[in-house]
Amino acid sequence: MIRLLFLVLVFAVGLAAAVVYKGQIYHLRRAVPDLLPGWTDRIAEDASLRSGSIRLPATAQLPETTLFWDAVAPGADGWKWQLRLTGDGIALTARATLGFWPDRAVLDDGAGTLDLSALAGLPVQTRGVATLEALSAEVTRILAAPVFSGDLTARLAGLRVEGDDFGQGPLRAVLDADGGWRADLELAGGVSPITGRISGKWPGRLVQLDMSFADGAALPDTLRGILSAVAVPAGQGWRLSASVPFP
């Protein structure tokens, strides 16, 4: 989810840089078509800095989505927009602030839900809902080499992996300025209490898993056998540490 929200911020900032006049994107397409980057073709004809929408193409992990924006009263820290992202299984909102000198943008006040079954390319069948509870993110050096950082807090519910119930619990994800990211989670109420961290390097495709699984009567024999084969016994359960590819 954290990658998705940072991509929303990138498009919001990119839009502000592309549409620099009052009026609609249609007028810019007529006046200076060669100066607009190719991705602006997805912006709705009647879009302006005040309001509009853009279709974001599907990726290896996400379906096609649409980003809507509406300007709100500017504050002392810059221009502000309310953002809304919708798609198959995705409904997220956030506020974007672009400094009056546009070299820093902030994304905050995030809320919404993400249906995990809408994610593509996962190595195992995953279902459940992630509810965004808090968000703090920024991109700096927009006019040079953009640097991203931030964190979010969400809650996972109804999590099922390959048909097994893994319960619910909090998740906190952090993206560092150097591109490193990590997500800490704690699940209870399912086949096994689980705690751990998933981490990687953006935009790398290798993900590090460091997870603890507790044994118990609810743990399916199939999963117990897998853990016994690939994880290390630790107390009344197992400790799994592995690097796996992610599309």
Protein backbone atom coordinates (compact mmCIF):
# COMPACT_ATOMS: atom_id res chain seq x y z
CA MET A 1 0.00 0.00 0.00
CA ILE A 2 2.78 2.44 0.77
CA ARG A 3 4.09 2.28 -2.81
CA LEU A 4 0.60 3.06 -4.11
CA LEU A 5 0.26 6.15 -1.93
CA PHE A 6 3.65 7.48 -2.92
CA LEU A 7 2.74 7.01 -6.58
CA VAL A 8 -0.38 9.10 -5.94
CA LEU A 9 1.84 11.85 -4.61
CA VAL A 10 4.14 11.65 -7.64
CA PHE A 11 1.22 12.11 -10.03
CA ALA A 12 -0.22 14.97 -7.98
CA VAL A 13 3.09 16.81 -8.02
CA GLY A 14 3.64 16.02 -11.69
CA LEU A 15 0.25 17.44 -12.53
CA ALA A 16 1.01 20.70 -10.76
CA ALA A 17 4.24 20.97 -12.75
CA ALA A 18 2.54 20.22 -16.08
CA VAL A 19 -0.58 22.40 -15.81
CA VAL A 20 0.92 25.80 -15.09
CA TYR A 21 -1.81 28.04 -16.45
CA LYS A 22 -5.37 28.75 -15.40
CA GLY A 23 -7.89 26.87 -17.47
CA GLN A 24 -8.06 23.29 -18.63
CA ILE A 25 -5.49 20.77 -19.85
CA TYR A 26 -7.37 20.94 -23.16
CA HIS A 27 -6.05 24.46 -23.73
CA LEU A 28 -2.46 23.39 -23.10
CA ARG A 29 -2.84 20.50 -25.53
CA ARG A 30 -3.93 22.99 -28.19
CA ALA A 31 -1.29 25.62 -27.36
CA VAL A 32 1.89 23.65 -26.53
CA PRO A 33 1.31 19.97 -27.35
CA ASP A 34 5.02 19.19 -27.75
CA LEU A 35 5.87 20.46 -24.27
CA LEU A 36 3.58 18.08 -22.34
CA PRO A 37 5.00 14.74 -21.18
CA GLY A 38 3.36 11.62 -22.57
CA TRP A 39 1.68 10.60 -19.31
CA THR A 40 -0.51 13.73 -19.43
CA ASP A 41 -2.50 12.04 -22.22
CA ARG A 42 -4.37 10.23 -19.45
CA ILE A 43 -5.60 13.48 -17.87
CA ALA A 44 -9.29 14.24 -18.49
CA GLU A 45 -9.93 16.96 -21.11
CA ASP A 46 -11.67 19.29 -18.64
CA ALA A 47 -9.00 18.94 -15.92
CA SER A 48 -7.35 22.00 -14.40
CA LEU A 49 -5.29 22.75 -11.34
CA ARG A 50 -8.55 23.29 -9.43
CA SER A 51 -10.11 19.91 -10.18
CA GLY A 52 -9.84 16.98 -12.53
CA SER A 53 -8.89 13.36 -12.91
CA ILE A 54 -6.26 11.14 -14.48
CA ARG A 55 -6.30 7.42 -15.28
CA LEU A 56 -3.30 5.61 -13.83
CA PRO A 57 -2.30 2.51 -15.82
CA ALA A 58 -2.28 -0.95 -14.27
CA THR A 59 1.05 -2.20 -12.94
CA ALA A 60 2.41 -5.65 -12.11
CA GLN A 61 0.81 -5.28 -8.65
CA LEU A 62 -2.17 -2.95 -9.08
CA PRO A 63 -5.22 -2.66 -11.35
CA GLU A 64 -5.94 0.50 -13.34
CA THR A 65 -7.09 3.31 -11.05
CA THR A 66 -8.38 6.87 -11.40
CA LEU A 67 -6.99 9.77 -9.37
CA PHE A 68 -9.34 12.72 -8.74
CA TRP A 69 -8.22 16.05 -7.25
CA ASP A 70 -9.98 19.14 -5.93
CA ALA A 71 -8.21 22.27 -4.76
CA VAL A 72 -8.89 23.55 -1.25
CA ALA A 73 -7.92 26.83 0.38
CA PRO A 74 -4.11 27.23 0.44
CA GLY A 75 -2.33 27.49 3.75
CA ALA A 76 0.88 29.04 4.98
CA ASP A 77 2.80 25.98 3.78
CA GLY A 78 1.56 26.02 0.19
CA TRP A 79 -1.17 25.03 -2.25
CA LYS A 80 -3.47 22.19 -1.20
CA TRP A 81 -5.57 19.54 -2.94
CA GLN A 82 -7.89 16.81 -1.73
CA LEU A 83 -7.08 13.56 -3.55
CA ARG A 84 -9.28 10.54 -4.18
CA LEU A 85 -8.04 7.29 -5.72
CA THR A 86 -10.51 4.67 -6.89
CA GLY A 87 -10.22 1.37 -8.70
CA ASP A 88 -11.10 -2.30 -8.44
CA GLY A 89 -10.90 -2.91 -4.68
CA ILE A 90 -9.22 0.47 -4.01
CA ALA A 91 -10.82 3.50 -2.33
CA LEU A 92 -8.31 5.93 -0.80
CA THR A 93 -8.30 9.65 0.03
CA ALA A 94 -5.50 11.98 1.13
CA ARG A 95 -4.50 15.64 1.18
CA ALA A 96 -1.58 16.91 -0.90
CA THR A 97 0.32 20.11 -0.18
CA LEU A 98 2.76 21.65 -2.67
CA GLY A 99 5.02 24.43 -1.39
CA PHE A 100 4.72 27.87 -2.98
CA TRP A 101 8.27 27.27 -4.18
CA PRO A 102 7.50 23.83 -5.65
CA ASP A 103 10.49 21.85 -4.40
CA ARG A 104 8.65 19.96 -1.64
CA ALA A 105 5.28 18.24 -1.45
CA VAL A 106 3.54 16.51 1.45
CA LEU A 107 0.86 13.84 1.56
CA ASP A 108 -1.17 13.45 4.76
CA ASP A 109 -4.67 12.93 6.20
CA GLY A 110 -4.94 9.57 4.45
CA ALA A 111 -7.93 7.24 4.82
CA GLY A 112 -9.62 4.42 2.94
CA THR A 113 -9.42 0.73 2.17
CA LEU A 114 -7.52 -1.65 -0.07
CA ASP A 115 -8.91 -5.08 -0.94
CA LEU A 116 -5.83 -7.32 -0.93
CA SER A 117 -7.38 -9.62 -3.51
CA ALA A 118 -7.07 -6.74 -6.00
CA LEU A 119 -3.27 -6.95 -5.81
CA ALA A 120 -1.71 -8.85 -8.69
CA GLY A 121 1.51 -10.82 -8.81
CA LEU A 122 1.48 -12.02 -5.20
CA PRO A 123 3.31 -15.37 -4.82
CA VAL A 124 0.34 -16.84 -2.87
CA GLN A 125 -3.43 -16.32 -3.02
CA THR A 126 -4.21 -13.54 -0.53
CA ARG A 127 -7.53 -12.09 0.58
CA GLY A 128 -8.48 -9.50 3.16
CA VAL A 129 -8.83 -5.75 3.63
CA ALA A 130 -6.23 -3.17 4.66
CA THR A 131 -7.72 -0.03 6.24
CA LEU A 132 -5.50 3.05 6.20
CA GLU A 133 -5.49 4.83 9.57
CA ALA A 134 -2.60 7.34 9.39
CA LEU A 135 -0.25 8.67 6.73
CA SER A 136 2.74 11.01 6.66
CA ALA A 137 4.80 11.30 3.47
CA GLU A 138 6.84 13.82 1.52
CA VAL A 139 8.85 14.23 -1.64
CA THR A 140 11.70 16.75 -1.67
CA ARG A 141 14.02 18.06 -4.40
CA ILE A 142 11.16 17.90 -6.89
CA LEU A 143 12.93 20.23 -9.29
CA ALA A 144 16.13 18.17 -9.22
CA ALA A 145 16.27 14.48 -8.22
CA PRO A 146 13.12 13.70 -6.17
CA VAL A 147 13.60 12.02 -2.79
CA PHE A 148 10.68 10.16 -1.16
CA SER A 149 10.10 9.28 2.49
CA GLY A 150 7.22 8.66 4.86
CA ASP A 151 5.23 6.17 6.87
CA LEU A 152 1.71 4.84 7.23
CA THR A 153 -0.33 2.85 9.71
CA ALA A 154 -3.05 0.45 8.61
CA ARG A 155 -5.10 -2.40 9.99
CA LEU A 156 -5.45 -5.77 8.29
CA ALA A 157 -8.73 -7.67 8.68
CA GLY A 158 -10.08 -10.94 7.36
CA LEU A 159 -6.64 -11.95 6.11
CA ARG A 160 -6.63 -15.31 4.31
CA VAL A 161 -3.58 -16.84 2.63
CA GLU A 162 -4.13 -19.88 0.40
CA GLY A 163 -7.52 -20.30 2.07
CA ASP A 164 -6.21 -20.30 5.67
CA ASP A 165 -7.46 -17.66 8.12
CA PHE A 166 -4.62 -15.49 9.47
CA GLY A 167 -6.86 -13.14 11.46
CA GLN A 168 -6.30 -9.43 11.83
CA GLY A 169 -3.92 -6.87 13.29
CA PRO A 170 -1.94 -3.66 12.79
CA LEU A 171 0.61 -2.92 10.09
CA ARG A 172 3.10 -0.03 9.99
CA ALA A 173 5.10 0.67 6.84
CA VAL A 174 8.04 3.07 6.47
CA LEU A 175 9.84 4.34 3.37
CA ASP A 176 13.28 5.88 3.98
CA ALA A 177 14.87 8.59 1.88
CA ASP A 178 17.40 6.08 0.49
CA GLY A 179 14.63 3.88 -0.93
CA GLY A 180 14.66 1.28 1.81
CA TRP A 181 11.22 0.23 3.04
CA ARG A 182 9.88 -2.05 5.77
CA ALA A 183 6.48 -3.16 7.01
CA ASP A 184 5.96 -4.47 10.55
CA LEU A 185 2.84 -6.49 11.26
CA GLU A 186 1.20 -8.40 14.11
CA LEU A 187 -1.65 -10.82 13.43
CA ALA A 188 -3.95 -12.62 15.86
CA GLY A 189 -7.23 -14.51 15.80
CA GLY A 190 -6.28 -16.86 12.97
CA VAL A 191 -4.49 -20.17 12.58
CA SER A 192 -1.37 -18.82 14.28
CA PRO A 193 -0.28 -15.63 16.04
CA ILE A 194 2.23 -14.00 13.70
CA THR A 195 4.68 -11.13 14.16
CA GLY A 196 7.37 -9.98 11.82
CA ARG A 197 8.83 -7.63 9.27
CA ILE A 198 8.79 -7.51 5.48
CA SER A 199 11.46 -5.26 3.96
CA GLY A 200 13.13 -4.36 0.70
CA LYS A 201 14.62 -1.61 -1.44
CA TRP A 202 12.49 0.47 -3.80
CA PRO A 203 12.41 -0.14 -6.76
CA GLY A 204 14.08 -3.52 -6.18
CA ARG A 205 12.12 -6.76 -6.59
CA LEU A 206 13.67 -8.79 -3.76
CA VAL A 207 11.74 -8.89 -0.48
CA GLN A 208 13.15 -10.01 2.86
CA LEU A 209 10.84 -11.92 5.22
CA ASP A 210 11.58 -12.10 8.96
CA MET A 211 8.55 -13.70 10.59
CA SER A 212 7.66 -15.57 13.78
CA PHE A 213 4.85 -18.19 13.77
CA ALA A 214 3.41 -19.69 16.94
CA ASP A 215 2.34 -23.35 16.97
CA GLY A 216 -1.14 -24.31 18.15
CA ALA A 217 -4.13 -26.56 17.62
CA ALA A 218 -5.56 -24.28 14.92
CA LEU A 219 -2.46 -24.49 12.74
CA PRO A 220 -3.20 -26.67 9.66
CA ASP A 221 -0.98 -29.72 9.27
CA THR A 222 0.01 -28.58 5.78
CA LEU A 223 1.28 -25.22 7.06
CA ARG A 224 2.96 -26.88 10.04
CA GLY A 225 4.81 -29.18 7.65
CA ILE A 226 5.95 -26.24 5.48
CA LEU A 227 7.22 -24.32 8.50
CA SER A 228 9.03 -27.39 9.82
CA ALA A 229 10.81 -27.68 6.47
CA VAL A 230 11.74 -24.06 5.74
CA ALA A 231 11.81 -22.30 9.14
CA VAL A 232 13.89 -22.62 12.30
CA PRO A 233 12.27 -23.88 15.52
CA ALA A 234 11.98 -21.08 18.10
CA GLY A 235 10.20 -21.61 21.43
CA GLN A 236 6.67 -22.85 20.80
CA GLY A 237 6.84 -22.10 17.08
CA TRP A 238 9.15 -21.16 14.22
CA ARG A 239 11.27 -18.30 12.96
CA LEU A 240 11.32 -17.75 9.19
CA SER A 241 14.00 -15.64 7.52
CA ALA A 242 14.13 -15.68 3.72
CA SER A 243 14.52 -13.52 0.63
CA VAL A 244 11.84 -13.95 -2.03
CA PRO A 245 11.28 -12.27 -5.42
CA PHE A 246 8.30 -9.98 -5.88
CA PRO A 247 7.03 -9.08 -9.37
